[in-house]
């Protein structure tokens, strides 16, 4: 895709045509098998979308967002991906990201974009305030964003206790929130096994998250067989 300097309806439609021209039926079928609604999938791979997003980030990204119809999965994902490539202050990025979250309706639109927000690594303290607001939101995707941000950027000595606290404070019964917490705890265990084992022994999680976290830890190739066997006795 050639650089589009001036975004308008006509140029945006050229982008849509480009996306359909680069669709892959097999990839679309693969995506639809990952709990992504097939009705709004075009079928463009994430690597291709990232290349497109990098080019869009060089243009007037605000106009791109303005003309973005958010009618397809790829359009929404492009909106999120460009946030990882534009060169802006973190305070502005947070506002743009907060707006993007309102378009999330599946786990991939959350996880892929969060993983691409490398600017977060340099703004952890300020980012933690944003995460708290996400976790206090009743919307399941805001909550998942918060936990996935913790998973990607905060499994560090100075934040590990915050993570345990945020997990214990969860009251959501939404599957994708609970699964995010289970994954988060499993990653914490891999990096900090002693601390996380102590948390597993004394947490306030519901039984489903507790057991799912143990399951995910035991499925990891980075955990020894003896430690996997030890974890069995802590299942509820």
C-alpha atoms as a PDB file:
ATOM      1  CA  UNK A   1       0.000   0.000   0.000  1.00  0.00           C
ATOM      2  CA  UNK A   2       1.398   3.371  -0.984  1.00  0.00           C
ATOM      3  CA  UNK A   3       1.449   6.132   1.587  1.00  0.00           C
ATOM      4  CA  UNK A   4      -1.872   7.956   1.757  1.00  0.00           C
ATOM      5  CA  UNK A   5      -1.034  11.465   2.961  1.00  0.00           C
ATOM      6  CA  UNK A   6      -4.513  12.967   2.875  1.00  0.00           C
ATOM      7  CA  UNK A   7      -7.163  10.719   4.365  1.00  0.00           C
ATOM      8  CA  UNK A   8     -10.669  11.198   3.001  1.00  0.00           C
ATOM      9  CA  UNK A   9     -13.565   8.901   2.147  1.00  0.00           C
ATOM     10  CA  UNK A  10     -12.163   8.100  -1.272  1.00  0.00           C
ATOM     11  CA  UNK A  11      -8.683   7.230  -0.032  1.00  0.00           C
ATOM     12  CA  UNK A  12     -10.113   5.247   2.840  1.00  0.00           C
ATOM     13  CA  UNK A  13     -12.126   3.151   0.385  1.00  0.00           C
ATOM     14  CA  UNK A  14      -8.881   2.484  -1.484  1.00  0.00           C
ATOM     15  CA  UNK A  15      -7.495   1.060   1.753  1.00  0.00           C
ATOM     16  CA  UNK A  16     -10.556  -1.191   2.150  1.00  0.00           C
ATOM     17  CA  UNK A  17     -10.096  -2.449  -1.403  1.00  0.00           C
ATOM     18  CA  UNK A  18      -6.428  -3.108  -0.658  1.00  0.00           C
ATOM     19  CA  UNK A  19      -7.395  -5.149   2.406  1.00  0.00           C
ATOM     20  CA  UNK A  20      -9.820  -7.299   0.414  1.00  0.00           C
ATOM     21  CA  UNK A  21      -7.228  -7.722  -2.340  1.00  0.00           C
ATOM     22  CA  UNK A  22      -4.841  -9.104   0.281  1.00  0.00           C
ATOM     23  CA  UNK A  23      -7.306 -11.411   2.005  1.00  0.00           C
ATOM     24  CA  UNK A  24      -6.567 -15.089   2.460  1.00  0.00           C
ATOM     25  CA  UNK A  25      -9.497 -17.535   2.682  1.00  0.00           C
ATOM     26  CA  UNK A  26      -7.516 -20.115   4.644  1.00  0.00           C
ATOM     27  CA  UNK A  27      -6.342 -17.500   7.143  1.00  0.00           C
ATOM     28  CA  UNK A  28      -9.895 -16.205   7.495  1.00  0.00           C
ATOM     29  CA  UNK A  29     -11.080 -19.730   8.246  1.00  0.00           C
ATOM     30  CA  UNK A  30      -8.291 -20.092  10.815  1.00  0.00           C
ATOM     31  CA  UNK A  31      -9.287 -16.831  12.499  1.00  0.00           C
ATOM     32  CA  UNK A  32     -12.952 -17.760  12.643  1.00  0.00           C
ATOM     33  CA  UNK A  33     -11.911 -20.846  14.592  1.00  0.00           C
ATOM     34  CA  UNK A  34     -10.422 -18.623  17.301  1.00  0.00           C
ATOM     35  CA  UNK A  35     -13.761 -17.285  18.543  1.00  0.00           C
ATOM     36  CA  UNK A  36     -13.626 -14.304  16.178  1.00  0.00           C
ATOM     37  CA  UNK A  37     -16.896 -13.481  14.438  1.00  0.00           C
ATOM     38  CA  UNK A  38     -16.569 -14.637  10.830  1.00  0.00           C
ATOM     39  CA  UNK A  39     -19.168 -12.119   9.637  1.00  0.00           C
ATOM     40  CA  UNK A  40     -16.816  -9.160   9.814  1.00  0.00           C
ATOM     41  CA  UNK A  41     -13.508 -10.859   8.987  1.00  0.00           C
ATOM     42  CA  UNK A  42     -11.698  -9.984   5.754  1.00  0.00           C
ATOM     43  CA  UNK A  43      -8.870 -12.445   6.288  1.00  0.00           C
ATOM     44  CA  UNK A  44      -5.670 -10.386   6.303  1.00  0.00           C
ATOM     45  CA  UNK A  45      -2.793 -11.751   8.387  1.00  0.00           C
ATOM     46  CA  UNK A  46      -1.468  -9.875  11.401  1.00  0.00           C
ATOM     47  CA  UNK A  47       2.052  -9.445   9.903  1.00  0.00           C
ATOM     48  CA  UNK A  48       0.522  -7.765   6.831  1.00  0.00           C
ATOM     49  CA  UNK A  49      -1.692  -5.579   8.996  1.00  0.00           C
ATOM     50  CA  UNK A  50       1.319  -4.496  11.043  1.00  0.00           C
ATOM     51  CA  UNK A  51       3.140  -3.446   7.869  1.00  0.00           C
ATOM     52  CA  UNK A  52       0.092  -1.451   6.777  1.00  0.00           C
ATOM     53  CA  UNK A  53      -0.243   0.096  10.244  1.00  0.00           C
ATOM     54  CA  UNK A  54       3.391   1.252  10.155  1.00  0.00           C
ATOM     55  CA  UNK A  55       2.706   3.070   6.892  1.00  0.00           C
ATOM     56  CA  UNK A  56      -0.504   4.615   8.209  1.00  0.00           C
ATOM     57  CA  UNK A  57       1.375   5.826  11.293  1.00  0.00           C
ATOM     58  CA  UNK A  58       3.520   7.996   8.996  1.00  0.00           C
ATOM     59  CA  UNK A  59       0.414   9.816   7.763  1.00  0.00           C
ATOM     60  CA  UNK A  60      -2.192  11.923   9.567  1.00  0.00           C
ATOM     61  CA  UNK A  61      -3.304   9.188  11.981  1.00  0.00           C
ATOM     62  CA  UNK A  62      -6.053  11.368  13.450  1.00  0.00           C
ATOM     63  CA  UNK A  63      -7.767  11.647  10.081  1.00  0.00           C
ATOM     64  CA  UNK A  64      -7.332   7.921   9.546  1.00  0.00           C
ATOM     65  CA  UNK A  65      -9.141   7.230  12.820  1.00  0.00           C
ATOM     66  CA  UNK A  66     -11.829   9.756  11.869  1.00  0.00           C
ATOM     67  CA  UNK A  67     -12.580   8.033   8.549  1.00  0.00           C
ATOM     68  CA  UNK A  68     -12.220   4.524   9.978  1.00  0.00           C
ATOM     69  CA  UNK A  69     -15.665   2.900   9.793  1.00  0.00           C
ATOM     70  CA  UNK A  70     -14.724   0.107  12.251  1.00  0.00           C
ATOM     71  CA  UNK A  71     -17.001  -2.206  10.275  1.00  0.00           C
ATOM     72  CA  UNK A  72     -14.488  -5.027   9.911  1.00  0.00           C
ATOM     73  CA  UNK A  73     -12.087  -6.770  12.264  1.00  0.00           C
ATOM     74  CA  UNK A  74      -9.127  -5.583  10.200  1.00  0.00           C
ATOM     75  CA  UNK A  75     -10.196  -1.934  10.314  1.00  0.00           C
ATOM     76  CA  UNK A  76     -10.544  -2.057  14.090  1.00  0.00           C
ATOM     77  CA  UNK A  77      -7.212  -3.839  14.463  1.00  0.00           C
ATOM     78  CA  UNK A  78      -5.464  -1.272  12.265  1.00  0.00           C
ATOM     79  CA  UNK A  79      -6.843   1.458  14.515  1.00  0.00           C
ATOM     80  CA  UNK A  80      -5.255  -0.265  17.495  1.00  0.00           C
ATOM     81  CA  UNK A  81      -1.995  -1.229  15.821  1.00  0.00           C
ATOM     82  CA  UNK A  82      -1.102   2.294  14.679  1.00  0.00           C
ATOM     83  CA  UNK A  83      -1.082   3.338  18.342  1.00  0.00           C
ATOM     84  CA  UNK A  84       2.055   1.263  18.749  1.00  0.00           C
ATOM     85  CA  UNK A  85       3.865   3.063  15.926  1.00  0.00           C
ATOM     86  CA  UNK A  86       2.930   6.742  16.152  1.00  0.00           C
ATOM     87  CA  UNK A  87       5.414   9.003  17.933  1.00  0.00           C
ATOM     88  CA  UNK A  88       3.388  10.862  20.558  1.00  0.00           C
ATOM     89  CA  UNK A  89       3.474  11.663  24.244  1.00  0.00           C
ATOM     90  CA  UNK A  90       2.240   8.877  26.518  1.00  0.00           C
ATOM     91  CA  UNK A  91      -0.517  11.069  27.951  1.00  0.00           C
ATOM     92  CA  UNK A  92      -1.984  11.443  24.459  1.00  0.00           C
ATOM     93  CA  UNK A  93      -1.482   7.766  23.711  1.00  0.00           C
ATOM     94  CA  UNK A  94      -3.532   6.817  26.774  1.00  0.00           C
ATOM     95  CA  UNK A  95      -6.481   8.887  25.554  1.00  0.00           C
ATOM     96  CA  UNK A  96      -6.289   7.371  22.085  1.00  0.00           C
ATOM     97  CA  UNK A  97      -6.019   3.875  23.526  1.00  0.00           C
ATOM     98  CA  UNK A  98      -8.927   4.456  25.874  1.00  0.00           C
ATOM     99  CA  UNK A  99     -11.030   5.388  22.838  1.00  0.00           C
ATOM    100  CA  UNK A 100      -9.834   2.310  20.943  1.00  0.00           C
ATOM    101  CA  UNK A 101     -10.899  -0.018  23.761  1.00  0.00           C
ATOM    102  CA  UNK A 102     -14.533   0.894  23.110  1.00  0.00           C
ATOM    103  CA  UNK A 103     -14.287  -0.937  19.763  1.00  0.00           C
ATOM    104  CA  UNK A 104     -12.923  -4.179  21.215  1.00  0.00           C
ATOM    105  CA  UNK A 105     -15.356  -7.082  21.004  1.00  0.00           C
ATOM    106  CA  UNK A 106     -13.046 -10.100  21.084  1.00  0.00           C
ATOM    107  CA  UNK A 107      -9.836 -11.224  22.777  1.00  0.00           C
ATOM    108  CA  UNK A 108      -7.601 -10.766  19.701  1.00  0.00           C
ATOM    109  CA  UNK A 109      -8.405  -7.066  19.298  1.00  0.00           C
ATOM    110  CA  UNK A 110      -7.262  -6.717  22.893  1.00  0.00           C
ATOM    111  CA  UNK A 111      -4.198  -8.958  23.065  1.00  0.00           C
ATOM    112  CA  UNK A 112      -2.587  -8.157  19.695  1.00  0.00           C
ATOM    113  CA  UNK A 113      -2.805  -4.401  20.244  1.00  0.00           C
ATOM    114  CA  UNK A 114      -1.641  -4.485  23.872  1.00  0.00           C
ATOM    115  CA  UNK A 115       1.394  -6.555  22.890  1.00  0.00           C
ATOM    116  CA  UNK A 116       2.255  -3.922  20.276  1.00  0.00           C
ATOM    117  CA  UNK A 117       2.215  -0.961  22.699  1.00  0.00           C
ATOM    118  CA  UNK A 118       5.964  -0.925  23.362  1.00  0.00           C
ATOM    119  CA  UNK A 119       5.802   2.669  24.642  1.00  0.00           C
ATOM    120  CA  UNK A 120       4.196   1.230  27.783  1.00  0.00           C
ATOM    121  CA  UNK A 121       7.572  -0.163  28.918  1.00  0.00           C
ATOM    122  CA  UNK A 122       8.902   3.367  29.406  1.00  0.00           C
ATOM    123  CA  UNK A 123       5.827   4.615  31.280  1.00  0.00           C
ATOM    124  CA  UNK A 124       5.039   1.888  33.792  1.00  0.00           C
ATOM    125  CA  UNK A 125       4.060   4.031  36.773  1.00  0.00           C
ATOM    126  CA  UNK A 126       1.785   6.292  34.744  1.00  0.00           C
ATOM    127  CA  UNK A 127       0.456   3.264  32.912  1.00  0.00           C
ATOM    128  CA  UNK A 128      -0.470   1.577  36.189  1.00  0.00           C
ATOM    129  CA  UNK A 129      -2.971   4.337  36.922  1.00  0.00           C
ATOM    130  CA  UNK A 130      -4.577   3.643  33.544  1.00  0.00           C
ATOM    131  CA  UNK A 131      -4.710  -0.070  34.360  1.00  0.00           C
ATOM    132  CA  UNK A 132      -6.479   0.574  37.655  1.00  0.00           C
ATOM    133  CA  UNK A 133      -9.186   2.481  35.799  1.00  0.00           C
ATOM    134  CA  UNK A 134      -9.541  -0.373  33.313  1.00  0.00           C
ATOM    135  CA  UNK A 135      -9.968  -2.914  36.097  1.00  0.00           C
ATOM    136  CA  UNK A 136     -12.563  -0.738  37.815  1.00  0.00           C
ATOM    137  CA  UNK A 137     -14.620  -0.577  34.617  1.00  0.00           C
ATOM    138  CA  UNK A 138     -17.566  -2.996  34.406  1.00  0.00           C
ATOM    139  CA  UNK A 139     -16.920  -3.737  30.726  1.00  0.00           C
ATOM    140  CA  UNK A 140     -15.204  -7.097  30.270  1.00  0.00           C
ATOM    141  CA  UNK A 141     -12.862  -5.823  27.540  1.00  0.00           C
ATOM    142  CA  UNK A 142     -11.631  -2.916  29.644  1.00  0.00           C
ATOM    143  CA  UNK A 143     -10.881  -5.400  32.392  1.00  0.00           C
ATOM    144  CA  UNK A 144      -9.120  -7.813  30.031  1.00  0.00           C
ATOM    145  CA  UNK A 145      -7.020  -4.953  28.659  1.00  0.00           C
ATOM    146  CA  UNK A 146      -5.910  -4.177  32.212  1.00  0.00           C
ATOM    147  CA  UNK A 147      -4.852  -7.741  32.969  1.00  0.00           C
ATOM    148  CA  UNK A 148      -3.169  -8.251  29.584  1.00  0.00           C
ATOM    149  CA  UNK A 149      -1.191  -5.028  30.098  1.00  0.00           C
ATOM    150  CA  UNK A 150      -0.032  -6.434  33.439  1.00  0.00           C
ATOM    151  CA  UNK A 151       0.944  -9.694  31.762  1.00  0.00           C
ATOM    152  CA  UNK A 152       2.978  -8.003  29.044  1.00  0.00           C
ATOM    153  CA  UNK A 153       4.738  -5.243  30.962  1.00  0.00           C
ATOM    154  CA  UNK A 154       4.496  -5.590  34.739  1.00  0.00           C
ATOM    155  CA  UNK A 155       5.845  -8.996  35.734  1.00  0.00           C
ATOM    156  CA  UNK A 156       8.746  -7.316  37.484  1.00  0.00           C
ATOM    157  CA  UNK A 157       9.956  -7.345  41.124  1.00  0.00           C
ATOM    158  CA  UNK A 158       8.567  -3.883  41.857  1.00  0.00           C
ATOM    159  CA  UNK A 159       5.086  -4.706  40.510  1.00  0.00           C
ATOM    160  CA  UNK A 160       4.551  -8.370  41.325  1.00  0.00           C
ATOM    161  CA  UNK A 161       2.660  -7.638  44.574  1.00  0.00           C
ATOM    162  CA  UNK A 162       0.407  -5.200  42.694  1.00  0.00           C
ATOM    163  CA  UNK A 163      -0.437  -7.977  40.266  1.00  0.00           C
ATOM    164  CA  UNK A 164      -1.469 -10.368  43.032  1.00  0.00           C
ATOM    165  CA  UNK A 165      -3.635  -7.649  44.573  1.00  0.00           C
ATOM    166  CA  UNK A 166      -5.330  -6.803  41.261  1.00  0.00           C
ATOM    167  CA  UNK A 167      -6.068 -10.480  40.680  1.00  0.00           C
ATOM    168  CA  UNK A 168      -7.579 -10.880  44.148  1.00  0.00           C
ATOM    169  CA  UNK A 169      -9.782  -7.833  43.618  1.00  0.00           C
ATOM    170  CA  UNK A 170     -11.483  -9.248  40.528  1.00  0.00           C
ATOM    171  CA  UNK A 171     -15.243  -9.634  40.806  1.00  0.00           C
ATOM    172  CA  UNK A 172     -15.964 -10.273  37.127  1.00  0.00           C
ATOM    173  CA  UNK A 173     -17.429 -13.588  36.065  1.00  0.00           C
ATOM    174  CA  UNK A 174     -16.746 -12.993  32.363  1.00  0.00           C
ATOM    175  CA  UNK A 175     -14.817 -15.829  30.728  1.00  0.00           C
ATOM    176  CA  UNK A 176     -12.268 -13.652  28.930  1.00  0.00           C
ATOM    177  CA  UNK A 177     -11.471 -11.704  32.082  1.00  0.00           C
ATOM    178  CA  UNK A 178     -11.049 -14.843  34.157  1.00  0.00           C
ATOM    179  CA  UNK A 179      -8.913 -16.492  31.515  1.00  0.00           C
ATOM    180  CA  UNK A 180      -6.659 -13.423  31.322  1.00  0.00           C
ATOM    181  CA  UNK A 181      -6.118 -13.602  35.070  1.00  0.00           C
ATOM    182  CA  UNK A 182      -5.278 -17.306  34.889  1.00  0.00           C
ATOM    183  CA  UNK A 183      -2.721 -16.664  32.134  1.00  0.00           C
ATOM    184  CA  UNK A 184      -1.274 -13.748  34.114  1.00  0.00           C
ATOM    185  CA  UNK A 185      -0.769 -15.865  37.224  1.00  0.00           C
ATOM    186  CA  UNK A 186       0.828 -18.647  35.182  1.00  0.00           C
ATOM    187  CA  UNK A 187       3.343 -16.203  33.699  1.00  0.00           C
ATOM    188  CA  UNK A 188       4.062 -14.821  37.171  1.00  0.00           C
ATOM    189  CA  UNK A 189       4.775 -18.344  38.373  1.00  0.00           C
ATOM    190  CA  UNK A 190       7.200 -19.009  35.527  1.00  0.00           C
ATOM    191  CA  UNK A 191       9.193 -15.883  36.387  1.00  0.00           C
ATOM    192  CA  UNK A 192       8.736 -15.834  40.173  1.00  0.00           C
ATOM    193  CA  UNK A 193       7.823 -19.401  41.229  1.00  0.00           C
ATOM    194  CA  UNK A 194       8.348 -19.078  44.998  1.00  0.00           C
ATOM    195  CA  UNK A 195       6.397 -15.844  45.381  1.00  0.00           C
ATOM    196  CA  UNK A 196       3.616 -16.993  43.103  1.00  0.00           C
ATOM    197  CA  UNK A 197       3.328 -20.380  44.788  1.00  0.00           C
ATOM    198  CA  UNK A 198       2.818 -18.566  48.059  1.00  0.00           C
ATOM    199  CA  UNK A 199       0.134 -16.480  46.365  1.00  0.00           C
ATOM    200  CA  UNK A 200      -1.538 -19.623  45.002  1.00  0.00           C
ATOM    201  CA  UNK A 201      -1.679 -21.002  48.541  1.00  0.00           C
ATOM    202  CA  UNK A 202      -3.312 -17.868  49.944  1.00  0.00           C
ATOM    203  CA  UNK A 203      -5.216 -16.139  47.146  1.00  0.00           C
ATOM    204  CA  UNK A 204      -8.806 -14.879  47.081  1.00  0.00           C
ATOM    205  CA  UNK A 205      -9.537 -16.073  43.549  1.00  0.00           C
ATOM    206  CA  UNK A 206     -12.664 -17.997  42.700  1.00  0.00           C
ATOM    207  CA  UNK A 207     -12.100 -21.719  42.228  1.00  0.00           C
ATOM    208  CA  UNK A 208     -12.333 -21.601  38.444  1.00  0.00           C
ATOM    209  CA  UNK A 209      -9.551 -19.017  38.033  1.00  0.00           C
ATOM    210  CA  UNK A 210      -7.455 -20.694  40.735  1.00  0.00           C
ATOM    211  CA  UNK A 211      -7.620 -24.106  39.067  1.00  0.00           C
ATOM    212  CA  UNK A 212      -7.221 -22.711  35.556  1.00  0.00           C
ATOM    213  CA  UNK A 213      -4.063 -20.870  36.613  1.00  0.00           C
ATOM    214  CA  UNK A 214      -2.625 -24.105  37.987  1.00  0.00           C
ATOM    215  CA  UNK A 215      -3.598 -25.878  34.769  1.00  0.00           C
ATOM    216  CA  UNK A 216      -1.810 -23.263  32.646  1.00  0.00           C
ATOM    217  CA  UNK A 217       1.298 -23.491  34.809  1.00  0.00           C
ATOM    218  CA  UNK A 218       1.337 -27.279  34.502  1.00  0.00           C
ATOM    219  CA  UNK A 219       0.979 -27.007  30.711  1.00  0.00           C
ATOM    220  CA  UNK A 220       4.093 -24.845  30.476  1.00  0.00           C
ATOM    221  CA  UNK A 221       7.306 -26.381  29.147  1.00  0.00           C
ATOM    222  CA  UNK A 222       9.249 -23.965  31.345  1.00  0.00           C
ATOM    223  CA  UNK A 223       8.077 -25.630  34.564  1.00  0.00           C
ATOM    224  CA  UNK A 224       9.772 -28.774  35.871  1.00  0.00           C
ATOM    225  CA  UNK A 225       7.839 -32.002  36.328  1.00  0.00           C
ATOM    226  CA  UNK A 226       8.429 -31.965  40.096  1.00  0.00           C
ATOM    227  CA  UNK A 227       6.945 -28.471  40.397  1.00  0.00           C
ATOM    228  CA  UNK A 228       3.986 -29.495  38.247  1.00  0.00           C
ATOM    229  CA  UNK A 229       3.361 -32.449  40.532  1.00  0.00           C
ATOM    230  CA  UNK A 230       3.593 -30.201  43.594  1.00  0.00           C
ATOM    231  CA  UNK A 231       0.913 -27.872  42.234  1.00  0.00           C
ATOM    232  CA  UNK A 232      -1.662 -30.666  41.997  1.00  0.00           C
ATOM    233  CA  UNK A 233      -2.232 -30.649  45.764  1.00  0.00           C
ATOM    234  CA  UNK A 234      -3.259 -26.993  45.672  1.00  0.00           C
ATOM    235  CA  UNK A 235      -6.166 -27.516  43.274  1.00  0.00           C
ATOM    236  CA  UNK A 236      -9.604 -26.840  44.722  1.00  0.00           C
END
